[in-house]
Amino acid sequence: MVDRSQMRQQMRQQRNALSTQQLSDAAHNVARAVSRSSLFRNSQHIACYIANDNELSLELLIERIWQENKCCYLPVLDSIHRNRLWFAPYQPGSKMCLNRFGIAEPVYEKGSLLRAQSLELVMVPLVAFDKAGNRLGMGGGFYDRSLAFLLRRRCWYRPRLCGVAYDFQQVNFLPVQSWDVPLNAIATDSGIYTSR
C-alpha cells in the first residue's frame, strides 16, 4: 500500500531541492508544450494557479493566455463552503491578497467568480501522478471536491483537466479513492502525457 503522506513529503523535498535554473527551465518547457496543445488551442476560459511550495510555475503560460486574448482565472477559496474553489478572473495588474494558506488570490468583485463548470481547461497542481491520470494533491481535497461533478458525467466532459508536474513526480501507480477526479492530461518539463 502506498503511504500518501510519505509520498507527499518525499516529492516536496525533491521539488525544494531544484535549482533556480531547473525551475525556470521547467516552467519554460511546460508553457511551450501546453500552448502548442489542442487542449490549449480549443480553450478560451483557462484556469491556472500561482505556484506555491516550489510547484511548477505557470507565469509564462499565463502570459501566453493574455497574449492570445484568452481569459485566465485563478482559484480562490470559497468563503461560505470553505472546502471548495471558485475561479476569479486574473488579468495584468490584478490586485492580489493572501488566502488563509498564504497563497496569492485575485481580489475580485462580487459576481465575477465562476464555478469550474464554466471553464474549458483547468491547470491543476499536484504532488505525484501516474500514467492513468491519477493525481496526488496536497491532501486538502479542494480540487477533487470542486471538480466532483465530472465523476457523474457520462458525456460533455468540461472542463478538461491538465495536471502540472515535474517529470520526477511520476510514479508507477497511485491508489484511487472514490472521490479522486482523474486528469485528462499531465504537462511536465518533458512534454504532455495524455491519460484519457
N, C-alpha and C. Protein backbone atom coordinates (compact mmCIF):
# COMPACT_ATOMS: atom_id res chain seq x y z
N MET A 1 0.85 -1.20 0.00
CA MET A 1 0.00 0.00 0.00
C MET A 1 0.88 1.25 0.00
N VAL A 2 0.55 2.22 -0.84
CA VAL A 2 1.32 3.46 -0.94
C VAL A 2 0.95 4.36 0.23
N ASP A 3 1.95 4.84 0.94
CA ASP A 3 1.75 5.80 2.03
C ASP A 3 1.70 7.19 1.40
N ARG A 4 0.49 7.74 1.29
CA ARG A 4 0.30 9.01 0.59
C ARG A 4 1.03 10.17 1.27
N SER A 5 1.01 10.20 2.61
CA SER A 5 1.68 11.31 3.30
C SER A 5 3.20 11.22 3.14
N GLN A 6 3.75 10.00 3.14
CA GLN A 6 5.18 9.84 2.94
C GLN A 6 5.57 10.24 1.51
N MET A 7 4.73 9.86 0.55
CA MET A 7 5.00 10.24 -0.85
C MET A 7 4.95 11.76 -1.00
N ARG A 8 3.99 12.40 -0.37
CA ARG A 8 3.92 13.87 -0.43
C ARG A 8 5.21 14.49 0.11
N GLN A 9 5.66 13.99 1.23
CA GLN A 9 6.86 14.53 1.85
C GLN A 9 8.08 14.35 0.95
N GLN A 10 8.24 13.17 0.37
CA GLN A 10 9.38 12.89 -0.50
C GLN A 10 9.36 13.77 -1.75
N MET A 11 8.20 13.89 -2.38
CA MET A 11 8.09 14.69 -3.60
C MET A 11 8.33 16.17 -3.31
N ARG A 12 7.83 16.65 -2.21
CA ARG A 12 8.03 18.06 -1.85
C ARG A 12 9.50 18.33 -1.56
N GLN A 13 10.19 17.37 -0.94
CA GLN A 13 11.63 17.53 -0.70
C GLN A 13 12.39 17.61 -2.02
N GLN A 14 12.00 16.77 -2.98
CA GLN A 14 12.66 16.81 -4.29
C GLN A 14 12.39 18.14 -5.00
N ARG A 15 11.16 18.62 -4.91
CA ARG A 15 10.83 19.92 -5.51
C ARG A 15 11.66 21.03 -4.89
N ASN A 16 11.79 21.01 -3.58
CA ASN A 16 12.52 22.07 -2.89
C ASN A 16 14.02 22.02 -3.14
N ALA A 17 14.52 20.89 -3.66
CA ALA A 17 15.95 20.76 -3.96
C ALA A 17 16.30 21.27 -5.36
N LEU A 18 15.30 21.65 -6.15
CA LEU A 18 15.57 22.11 -7.51
C LEU A 18 16.25 23.48 -7.50
N SER A 19 17.15 23.67 -8.43
CA SER A 19 17.84 24.96 -8.56
C SER A 19 16.92 25.97 -9.24
N THR A 20 17.28 27.24 -9.13
CA THR A 20 16.53 28.30 -9.79
C THR A 20 16.49 28.06 -11.30
N GLN A 21 17.61 27.61 -11.87
CA GLN A 21 17.67 27.34 -13.31
C GLN A 21 16.74 26.18 -13.68
N GLN A 22 16.71 25.14 -12.87
CA GLN A 22 15.82 24.00 -13.15
C GLN A 22 14.36 24.42 -13.09
N LEU A 23 14.01 25.26 -12.12
CA LEU A 23 12.64 25.76 -12.01
C LEU A 23 12.27 26.57 -13.24
N SER A 24 13.18 27.43 -13.67
CA SER A 24 12.94 28.29 -14.83
C SER A 24 12.81 27.46 -16.11
N ASP A 25 13.71 26.51 -16.30
CA ASP A 25 13.66 25.66 -17.50
C ASP A 25 12.37 24.87 -17.56
N ALA A 26 11.95 24.31 -16.43
CA ALA A 26 10.72 23.51 -16.39
C ALA A 26 9.51 24.38 -16.73
N ALA A 27 9.45 25.58 -16.17
CA ALA A 27 8.32 26.49 -16.45
C ALA A 27 8.28 26.85 -17.93
N HIS A 28 9.43 27.10 -18.52
CA HIS A 28 9.50 27.43 -19.94
C HIS A 28 9.02 26.26 -20.79
N ASN A 29 9.49 25.05 -20.48
CA ASN A 29 9.11 23.86 -21.25
C ASN A 29 7.62 23.57 -21.16
N VAL A 30 7.05 23.72 -19.97
CA VAL A 30 5.61 23.46 -19.81
C VAL A 30 4.79 24.50 -20.56
N ALA A 31 5.17 25.76 -20.45
CA ALA A 31 4.43 26.81 -21.16
C ALA A 31 4.44 26.55 -22.67
N ARG A 32 5.61 26.17 -23.20
CA ARG A 32 5.71 25.89 -24.63
C ARG A 32 4.86 24.69 -25.03
N ALA A 33 4.94 23.59 -24.26
CA ALA A 33 4.19 22.37 -24.61
C ALA A 33 2.69 22.59 -24.51
N VAL A 34 2.25 23.25 -23.44
CA VAL A 34 0.81 23.45 -23.27
C VAL A 34 0.27 24.38 -24.34
N SER A 35 0.98 25.47 -24.63
CA SER A 35 0.47 26.44 -25.60
C SER A 35 0.38 25.87 -27.02
N ARG A 36 1.12 24.79 -27.29
CA ARG A 36 1.04 24.13 -28.59
C ARG A 36 0.00 23.01 -28.63
N SER A 37 -0.60 22.69 -27.51
CA SER A 37 -1.51 21.55 -27.43
C SER A 37 -2.92 21.90 -27.89
N SER A 38 -3.67 20.90 -28.30
CA SER A 38 -5.07 21.12 -28.67
C SER A 38 -5.90 21.49 -27.45
N LEU A 39 -5.52 21.01 -26.28
CA LEU A 39 -6.22 21.40 -25.05
C LEU A 39 -6.24 22.92 -24.92
N PHE A 40 -5.10 23.52 -25.16
CA PHE A 40 -4.97 24.98 -25.05
C PHE A 40 -5.65 25.67 -26.23
N ARG A 41 -5.36 25.23 -27.44
CA ARG A 41 -5.91 25.88 -28.63
C ARG A 41 -7.44 25.88 -28.63
N ASN A 42 -8.05 24.83 -28.09
CA ASN A 42 -9.51 24.70 -28.11
C ASN A 42 -10.18 25.28 -26.87
N SER A 43 -9.44 26.02 -26.06
CA SER A 43 -9.99 26.58 -24.82
C SER A 43 -9.87 28.09 -24.82
N GLN A 44 -10.92 28.74 -24.39
CA GLN A 44 -10.93 30.20 -24.26
C GLN A 44 -10.85 30.61 -22.78
N HIS A 45 -11.48 29.86 -21.90
CA HIS A 45 -11.53 30.16 -20.47
C HIS A 45 -10.68 29.12 -19.75
N ILE A 46 -9.51 29.57 -19.25
CA ILE A 46 -8.50 28.66 -18.72
C ILE A 46 -8.14 29.06 -17.29
N ALA A 47 -8.21 28.10 -16.39
CA ALA A 47 -7.79 28.34 -15.00
C ALA A 47 -6.36 27.87 -14.81
N CYS A 48 -5.57 28.70 -14.18
CA CYS A 48 -4.20 28.36 -13.82
C CYS A 48 -4.08 28.43 -12.30
N TYR A 49 -2.89 28.54 -11.79
CA TYR A 49 -2.67 28.70 -10.35
C TYR A 49 -1.38 29.48 -10.16
N ILE A 50 -1.23 30.05 -8.98
CA ILE A 50 0.02 30.71 -8.60
C ILE A 50 0.84 29.66 -7.86
N ALA A 51 2.05 29.41 -8.33
CA ALA A 51 2.89 28.35 -7.75
C ALA A 51 3.21 28.65 -6.29
N ASN A 52 3.18 27.59 -5.51
CA ASN A 52 3.46 27.65 -4.07
C ASN A 52 4.30 26.42 -3.72
N ASP A 53 5.21 26.55 -2.80
CA ASP A 53 5.98 25.39 -2.32
C ASP A 53 6.76 24.72 -3.46
N ASN A 54 7.33 25.55 -4.34
CA ASN A 54 8.11 25.09 -5.50
C ASN A 54 7.31 24.26 -6.50
N GLU A 55 5.99 24.47 -6.54
CA GLU A 55 5.21 23.89 -7.63
C GLU A 55 5.72 24.47 -8.94
N LEU A 56 5.45 23.80 -10.02
CA LEU A 56 5.89 24.27 -11.32
C LEU A 56 5.12 25.54 -11.67
N SER A 57 5.84 26.59 -11.95
CA SER A 57 5.23 27.90 -12.20
C SER A 57 4.52 27.94 -13.55
N LEU A 58 3.37 28.62 -13.57
CA LEU A 58 2.61 28.82 -14.81
C LEU A 58 2.63 30.28 -15.26
N GLU A 59 3.54 31.08 -14.73
CA GLU A 59 3.58 32.50 -15.10
C GLU A 59 3.74 32.71 -16.60
N LEU A 60 4.61 31.93 -17.24
CA LEU A 60 4.81 32.08 -18.69
C LEU A 60 3.57 31.65 -19.47
N LEU A 61 2.90 30.61 -19.00
CA LEU A 61 1.66 30.18 -19.66
C LEU A 61 0.58 31.24 -19.49
N ILE A 62 0.50 31.83 -18.32
CA ILE A 62 -0.48 32.90 -18.09
C ILE A 62 -0.22 34.06 -19.06
N GLU A 63 1.02 34.43 -19.24
CA GLU A 63 1.34 35.49 -20.20
C GLU A 63 0.90 35.11 -21.61
N ARG A 64 1.06 33.85 -21.96
CA ARG A 64 0.63 33.37 -23.28
C ARG A 64 -0.90 33.45 -23.41
N ILE A 65 -1.60 33.12 -22.35
CA ILE A 65 -3.07 33.22 -22.35
C ILE A 65 -3.48 34.66 -22.63
N TRP A 66 -2.85 35.59 -21.95
CA TRP A 66 -3.16 37.01 -22.17
C TRP A 66 -2.80 37.45 -23.58
N GLN A 67 -1.65 37.02 -24.09
CA GLN A 67 -1.22 37.40 -25.43
C GLN A 67 -2.22 36.95 -26.49
N GLU A 68 -2.83 35.80 -26.27
CA GLU A 68 -3.77 35.25 -27.24
C GLU A 68 -5.22 35.67 -26.96
N ASN A 69 -5.39 36.65 -26.09
CA ASN A 69 -6.72 37.18 -25.75
C ASN A 69 -7.67 36.11 -25.24
N LYS A 70 -7.12 35.14 -24.54
CA LYS A 70 -7.94 34.16 -23.84
C LYS A 70 -8.18 34.70 -22.43
N CYS A 71 -9.11 34.11 -21.71
CA CYS A 71 -9.44 34.55 -20.36
C CYS A 71 -8.77 33.64 -19.34
N CYS A 72 -8.02 34.23 -18.42
CA CYS A 72 -7.32 33.48 -17.39
C CYS A 72 -8.05 33.64 -16.05
N TYR A 73 -8.08 32.56 -15.29
CA TYR A 73 -8.71 32.56 -13.97
C TYR A 73 -7.76 31.89 -12.98
N LEU A 74 -7.88 32.29 -11.73
CA LEU A 74 -7.13 31.65 -10.66
C LEU A 74 -8.10 31.15 -9.60
N PRO A 75 -7.75 30.05 -8.92
CA PRO A 75 -8.64 29.54 -7.88
C PRO A 75 -8.65 30.46 -6.66
N VAL A 76 -9.82 30.60 -6.07
CA VAL A 76 -9.98 31.31 -4.80
C VAL A 76 -10.81 30.42 -3.88
N LEU A 77 -10.51 30.49 -2.60
CA LEU A 77 -11.24 29.67 -1.64
C LEU A 77 -12.65 30.21 -1.46
N ASP A 78 -13.60 29.31 -1.41
CA ASP A 78 -15.00 29.66 -1.20
C ASP A 78 -15.16 30.12 0.24
N SER A 79 -15.67 31.33 0.43
CA SER A 79 -15.80 31.87 1.78
C SER A 79 -16.95 31.26 2.56
N ILE A 80 -17.91 30.64 1.87
CA ILE A 80 -19.04 30.01 2.56
C ILE A 80 -18.78 28.52 2.75
N HIS A 81 -18.55 27.82 1.65
CA HIS A 81 -18.20 26.40 1.71
C HIS A 81 -16.68 26.34 1.70
N ARG A 82 -16.07 26.34 2.84
CA ARG A 82 -14.63 26.60 2.98
C ARG A 82 -13.75 25.50 2.41
N ASN A 83 -14.33 24.48 1.82
CA ASN A 83 -13.51 23.40 1.28
C ASN A 83 -13.64 23.27 -0.23
N ARG A 84 -14.14 24.33 -0.89
CA ARG A 84 -14.29 24.31 -2.35
C ARG A 84 -13.62 25.53 -2.97
N LEU A 85 -13.44 25.44 -4.28
CA LEU A 85 -12.81 26.53 -5.02
C LEU A 85 -13.80 27.19 -5.98
N TRP A 86 -13.65 28.50 -6.13
CA TRP A 86 -14.25 29.25 -7.21
C TRP A 86 -13.07 29.72 -8.06
N PHE A 87 -13.38 30.35 -9.18
CA PHE A 87 -12.31 30.82 -10.06
C PHE A 87 -12.56 32.29 -10.39
N ALA A 88 -11.54 33.11 -10.09
CA ALA A 88 -11.64 34.57 -10.27
C ALA A 88 -10.86 34.99 -11.50
N PRO A 89 -11.38 35.97 -12.25
CA PRO A 89 -10.63 36.50 -13.40
C PRO A 89 -9.27 37.04 -12.95
N TYR A 90 -8.28 36.78 -13.78
CA TYR A 90 -6.92 37.24 -13.49
C TYR A 90 -6.37 37.91 -14.74
N GLN A 91 -6.07 39.21 -14.60
CA GLN A 91 -5.60 40.00 -15.73
C GLN A 91 -4.32 40.72 -15.32
N PRO A 92 -3.57 41.24 -16.30
CA PRO A 92 -2.39 42.02 -15.92
C PRO A 92 -2.79 43.14 -14.96
N GLY A 93 -2.06 43.26 -13.88
CA GLY A 93 -2.34 44.32 -12.91
C GLY A 93 -3.40 43.99 -11.89
N SER A 94 -3.94 42.77 -11.92
CA SER A 94 -4.95 42.39 -10.92
C SER A 94 -4.39 42.54 -9.52
N LYS A 95 -5.19 43.11 -8.62
CA LYS A 95 -4.79 43.19 -7.22
C LYS A 95 -4.88 41.80 -6.61
N MET A 96 -3.91 41.50 -5.73
CA MET A 96 -3.85 40.18 -5.12
C MET A 96 -3.90 40.30 -3.60
N CYS A 97 -4.35 39.23 -2.95
CA CYS A 97 -4.31 39.14 -1.50
C CYS A 97 -3.95 37.70 -1.14
N LEU A 98 -3.55 37.46 0.09
CA LEU A 98 -3.20 36.11 0.52
C LEU A 98 -4.40 35.45 1.18
N ASN A 99 -4.64 34.18 0.83
CA ASN A 99 -5.72 33.44 1.48
C ASN A 99 -5.22 32.87 2.81
N ARG A 100 -6.04 32.07 3.46
CA ARG A 100 -5.70 31.57 4.80
C ARG A 100 -4.50 30.62 4.80
N PHE A 101 -4.09 30.14 3.61
CA PHE A 101 -2.91 29.29 3.50
C PHE A 101 -1.68 30.08 3.04
N GLY A 102 -1.82 31.39 2.89
CA GLY A 102 -0.71 32.22 2.43
C GLY A 102 -0.48 32.17 0.94
N ILE A 103 -1.48 31.72 0.17
CA ILE A 103 -1.38 31.64 -1.29
C ILE A 103 -2.08 32.84 -1.90
N ALA A 104 -1.44 33.45 -2.89
CA ALA A 104 -2.00 34.65 -3.52
C ALA A 104 -3.25 34.32 -4.33
N GLU A 105 -4.27 35.17 -4.16
CA GLU A 105 -5.53 35.08 -4.91
C GLU A 105 -5.87 36.47 -5.44
N PRO A 106 -6.55 36.53 -6.59
CA PRO A 106 -7.00 37.85 -7.06
C PRO A 106 -8.07 38.42 -6.13
N VAL A 107 -8.02 39.73 -5.94
CA VAL A 107 -9.12 40.42 -5.27
C VAL A 107 -10.22 40.54 -6.32
N TYR A 108 -11.42 40.08 -6.01
CA TYR A 108 -12.48 40.01 -7.02
C TYR A 108 -13.70 40.81 -6.60
N GLU A 109 -14.48 41.15 -7.60
CA GLU A 109 -15.75 41.82 -7.35
C GLU A 109 -16.84 40.78 -7.23
N LYS A 110 -17.82 41.06 -6.42
CA LYS A 110 -18.94 40.15 -6.24
C LYS A 110 -19.59 39.90 -7.60
N GLY A 111 -19.87 38.67 -7.89
CA GLY A 111 -20.50 38.32 -9.15
C GLY A 111 -19.52 37.98 -10.26
N SER A 112 -18.22 38.15 -10.02
CA SER A 112 -17.25 37.87 -11.08
C SER A 112 -16.68 36.45 -11.01
N LEU A 113 -17.00 35.70 -9.96
CA LEU A 113 -16.45 34.36 -9.80
C LEU A 113 -17.18 33.35 -10.66
N LEU A 114 -16.43 32.35 -11.13
CA LEU A 114 -17.01 31.25 -11.92
C LEU A 114 -16.83 29.94 -11.17
N ARG A 115 -17.75 29.03 -11.38
CA ARG A 115 -17.56 27.65 -10.96
C ARG A 115 -16.75 26.95 -12.05
N ALA A 116 -16.18 25.82 -11.71
CA ALA A 116 -15.36 25.07 -12.68
C ALA A 116 -16.14 24.69 -13.93
N GLN A 117 -17.44 24.47 -13.80
CA GLN A 117 -18.28 24.08 -14.94
C GLN A 117 -18.25 25.09 -16.07
N SER A 118 -17.91 26.34 -15.77
CA SER A 118 -17.89 27.40 -16.79
C SER A 118 -16.55 27.51 -17.51
N LEU A 119 -15.58 26.71 -17.11
CA LEU A 119 -14.25 26.75 -17.70
C LEU A 119 -14.09 25.65 -18.74
N GLU A 120 -13.14 25.83 -19.64
CA GLU A 120 -12.85 24.80 -20.64
C GLU A 120 -11.60 24.00 -20.29
N LEU A 121 -10.67 24.62 -19.58
CA LEU A 121 -9.43 23.94 -19.21
C LEU A 121 -9.02 24.41 -17.82
N VAL A 122 -8.68 23.45 -16.97
CA VAL A 122 -8.17 23.76 -15.63
C VAL A 122 -6.79 23.13 -15.49
N MET A 123 -5.80 23.96 -15.24
CA MET A 123 -4.44 23.50 -14.97
C MET A 123 -4.37 23.21 -13.48
N VAL A 124 -4.02 21.97 -13.13
CA VAL A 124 -4.14 21.52 -11.74
C VAL A 124 -2.75 21.20 -11.17
N PRO A 125 -2.40 21.81 -10.03
CA PRO A 125 -1.13 21.46 -9.40
C PRO A 125 -1.23 20.08 -8.77
N LEU A 126 -0.09 19.44 -8.57
CA LEU A 126 -0.12 18.11 -7.95
C LEU A 126 1.22 17.81 -7.30
N VAL A 127 1.23 16.74 -6.51
CA VAL A 127 2.44 16.29 -5.85
C VAL A 127 3.00 15.05 -6.55
N ALA A 128 2.11 14.19 -7.05
CA ALA A 128 2.52 12.99 -7.78
C ALA A 128 1.40 12.61 -8.74
N PHE A 129 1.77 11.85 -9.80
CA PHE A 129 0.77 11.39 -10.76
C PHE A 129 1.23 10.06 -11.34
N ASP A 130 0.26 9.34 -11.93
CA ASP A 130 0.63 8.14 -12.69
C ASP A 130 0.12 8.27 -14.12
N LYS A 131 0.50 7.34 -15.00
CA LYS A 131 0.14 7.45 -16.41
C LYS A 131 -1.35 7.32 -16.67
N ALA A 132 -2.08 6.76 -15.72
CA ALA A 132 -3.53 6.63 -15.87
C ALA A 132 -4.25 7.95 -15.61
N GLY A 133 -3.51 8.97 -15.20
CA GLY A 133 -4.13 10.27 -14.94
C GLY A 133 -4.58 10.44 -13.50
N ASN A 134 -4.15 9.56 -12.62
CA ASN A 134 -4.46 9.72 -11.21
C ASN A 134 -3.50 10.74 -10.61
N ARG A 135 -4.02 11.52 -9.68
CA ARG A 135 -3.28 12.65 -9.12
C ARG A 135 -3.26 12.57 -7.60
N LEU A 136 -2.11 12.86 -7.04
CA LEU A 136 -1.99 13.03 -5.59
C LEU A 136 -1.76 14.51 -5.35
N GLY A 137 -2.70 15.13 -4.65
CA GLY A 137 -2.59 16.55 -4.35
C GLY A 137 -1.96 16.75 -2.97
N MET A 138 -2.14 17.95 -2.45
CA MET A 138 -1.55 18.28 -1.15
C MET A 138 -2.33 17.68 0.02
N GLY A 139 -3.50 17.15 -0.25
CA GLY A 139 -4.25 16.48 0.82
C GLY A 139 -5.47 17.22 1.31
N GLY A 140 -5.67 18.45 0.84
CA GLY A 140 -6.84 19.22 1.28
C GLY A 140 -8.12 18.85 0.56
N GLY A 141 -8.02 18.27 -0.63
CA GLY A 141 -9.20 17.85 -1.38
C GLY A 141 -9.95 18.97 -2.07
N PHE A 142 -9.38 20.17 -2.14
CA PHE A 142 -10.10 21.31 -2.72
C PHE A 142 -10.45 21.08 -4.18
N TYR A 143 -9.49 20.63 -4.98
CA TYR A 143 -9.76 20.40 -6.40
C TYR A 143 -10.74 19.24 -6.58
N ASP A 144 -10.56 18.14 -5.85
CA ASP A 144 -11.46 17.00 -6.01
C ASP A 144 -12.90 17.37 -5.66
N ARG A 145 -13.12 18.10 -4.58
CA ARG A 145 -14.48 18.50 -4.23
C ARG A 145 -15.06 19.47 -5.25
N SER A 146 -14.23 20.38 -5.74
CA SER A 146 -14.71 21.39 -6.69
C SER A 146 -14.97 20.81 -8.08
N LEU A 147 -14.35 19.68 -8.40
CA LEU A 147 -14.49 19.05 -9.71
C LEU A 147 -15.27 17.74 -9.65
N ALA A 148 -15.86 17.43 -8.50
CA ALA A 148 -16.54 16.14 -8.31
C ALA A 148 -17.67 15.92 -9.31
N PHE A 149 -18.27 16.98 -9.82
CA PHE A 149 -19.36 16.83 -10.79
C PHE A 149 -18.91 16.06 -12.02
N LEU A 150 -17.61 16.11 -12.35
CA LEU A 150 -17.11 15.39 -13.52
C LEU A 150 -17.22 13.87 -13.34
N LEU A 151 -17.22 13.39 -12.11
CA LEU A 151 -17.34 11.95 -11.87
C LEU A 151 -18.73 11.43 -12.21
N ARG A 152 -19.71 12.31 -12.23
CA ARG A 152 -21.10 11.91 -12.50
C ARG A 152 -21.48 12.08 -13.97
N ARG A 153 -20.59 12.64 -14.78
CA ARG A 153 -20.91 12.90 -16.18
C ARG A 153 -20.63 11.68 -17.04
N ARG A 154 -21.51 11.43 -17.99
CA ARG A 154 -21.31 10.35 -18.96
C ARG A 154 -20.80 10.89 -20.29
N CYS A 155 -21.04 12.16 -20.54
CA CYS A 155 -20.56 12.82 -21.75
C CYS A 155 -20.39 14.31 -21.44
N TRP A 156 -19.93 15.07 -22.43
CA TRP A 156 -19.70 16.50 -22.26
C TRP A 156 -18.78 16.75 -21.09
N TYR A 157 -17.54 16.32 -21.23
CA TYR A 157 -16.55 16.50 -20.18
C TYR A 157 -15.94 17.89 -20.27
N ARG A 158 -16.41 18.75 -19.44
CA ARG A 158 -15.91 20.10 -19.38
C ARG A 158 -15.92 20.55 -17.93
N PRO A 159 -14.86 21.07 -17.47
CA PRO A 159 -13.62 21.40 -18.18
C PRO A 159 -12.71 20.19 -18.33
N ARG A 160 -11.74 20.31 -19.23
CA ARG A 160 -10.67 19.32 -19.33
C ARG A 160 -9.67 19.65 -18.22
N LEU A 161 -9.06 18.63 -17.66
CA LEU A 161 -8.14 18.81 -16.54
C LEU A 161 -6.73 18.42 -16.96
N CYS A 162 -5.80 19.33 -16.78
CA CYS A 162 -4.40 19.08 -17.11
C CYS A 162 -3.55 19.28 -15.87
N GLY A 163 -3.01 18.19 -15.34
CA GLY A 163 -2.11 18.29 -14.21
C GLY A 163 -0.80 18.91 -14.64
N VAL A 164 -0.10 19.52 -13.70
CA VAL A 164 1.19 20.16 -13.98
C VAL A 164 2.21 19.64 -12.97
N ALA A 165 3.33 19.10 -13.49
CA ALA A 165 4.31 18.48 -12.59
C ALA A 165 5.68 18.43 -13.24
N TYR A 166 6.67 18.19 -12.42
CA TYR A 166 8.00 17.86 -12.92
C TYR A 166 8.00 16.38 -13.26
N ASP A 167 8.86 15.99 -14.19
CA ASP A 167 8.93 14.57 -14.59
C ASP A 167 9.12 13.63 -13.42
N PHE A 168 9.94 14.01 -12.45
CA PHE A 168 10.23 13.09 -11.34
C PHE A 168 9.02 12.83 -10.46
N GLN A 169 7.95 13.59 -10.64
CA GLN A 169 6.75 13.38 -9.83
C GLN A 169 5.88 12.23 -10.35
N GLN A 170 6.27 11.64 -11.46
CA GLN A 170 5.53 10.49 -11.97
C GLN A 170 5.91 9.24 -11.17
N VAL A 171 4.89 8.48 -10.77
CA VAL A 171 5.09 7.21 -10.07
C VAL A 171 4.40 6.11 -10.87
N ASN A 172 4.74 4.88 -10.58
CA ASN A 172 4.16 3.75 -11.33
C ASN A 172 2.67 3.60 -11.08
N PHE A 173 2.24 3.83 -9.85
CA PHE A 173 0.85 3.56 -9.51
C PHE A 173 0.42 4.42 -8.32
N LEU A 174 -0.76 4.99 -8.42
CA LEU A 174 -1.37 5.69 -7.29
C LEU A 174 -2.69 5.01 -6.96
N PRO A 175 -2.92 4.68 -5.71
CA PRO A 175 -4.22 4.11 -5.35
C PRO A 175 -5.31 5.16 -5.54
N VAL A 176 -6.45 4.74 -6.04
CA VAL A 176 -7.54 5.67 -6.35
C VAL A 176 -8.61 5.57 -5.28
N GLN A 177 -9.01 6.72 -4.79
CA GLN A 177 -10.13 6.81 -3.85
C GLN A 177 -11.38 7.15 -4.66
N SER A 178 -12.55 6.88 -4.09
CA SER A 178 -13.81 7.11 -4.82
C SER A 178 -14.01 8.57 -5.19
N TRP A 179 -13.42 9.49 -4.46
CA TRP A 179 -13.59 10.92 -4.70
C TRP A 179 -12.52 11.51 -5.62
N ASP A 180 -11.52 10.74 -5.98
CA ASP A 180 -10.44 11.26 -6.82
C ASP A 180 -10.93 11.51 -8.25
N VAL A 181 -10.71 12.70 -8.74
CA VAL A 181 -11.10 13.08 -10.10
C VAL A 181 -9.88 12.92 -11.00
N PRO A 182 -9.95 12.03 -12.00
CA PRO A 182 -8.78 11.80 -12.86
C PRO A 182 -8.53 12.96 -13.81
N LEU A 183 -7.28 13.05 -14.26
CA LEU A 183 -6.85 14.10 -15.18
C LEU A 183 -6.98 13.62 -16.62
N ASN A 184 -7.19 14.55 -17.53
CA ASN A 184 -7.19 14.23 -18.96
C ASN A 184 -5.77 14.19 -19.51
N ALA A 185 -4.89 14.98 -18.91
CA ALA A 185 -3.50 15.06 -19.37
C ALA A 185 -2.63 15.57 -18.23
N ILE A 186 -1.34 15.37 -18.39
CA ILE A 186 -0.36 15.90 -17.44
C ILE A 186 0.74 16.58 -18.23
N ALA A 187 1.00 17.86 -17.92
CA ALA A 187 2.08 18.61 -18.57
C ALA A 187 3.29 18.58 -17.65
N THR A 188 4.41 18.12 -18.18
CA THR A 188 5.65 18.08 -17.41
C THR A 188 6.74 18.82 -18.18
N ASP A 189 7.92 18.88 -17.58
CA ASP A 189 9.02 19.58 -18.22
C ASP A 189 9.53 18.86 -19.46
N SER A 190 9.05 17.64 -19.74
CA SER A 190 9.48 16.98 -20.99
C SER A 190 8.34 16.79 -21.98
N GLY A 191 7.16 17.30 -21.69
CA GLY A 191 6.07 17.17 -22.65
C GLY A 191 4.74 16.94 -21.96
N ILE A 192 3.76 16.52 -22.76
CA ILE A 192 2.41 16.29 -22.25
C ILE A 192 2.06 14.82 -22.38
N TYR A 193 1.61 14.25 -21.28
CA TYR A 193 1.08 12.88 -21.27
C TYR A 193 -0.44 12.98 -21.36
N THR A 194 -1.03 12.25 -22.29
CA THR A 194 -2.49 12.19 -22.38
C THR A 194 -2.94 10.93 -21.67
N SER A 195 -3.89 11.08 -20.76
CA SER A 195 -4.30 9.92 -19.98
C SER A 195 -5.68 9.41 -20.37
N ARG A 196 -6.53 10.27 -20.90
CA ARG A 196 -7.86 9.81 -21.34
C ARG A 196 -8.47 10.83 -22.27
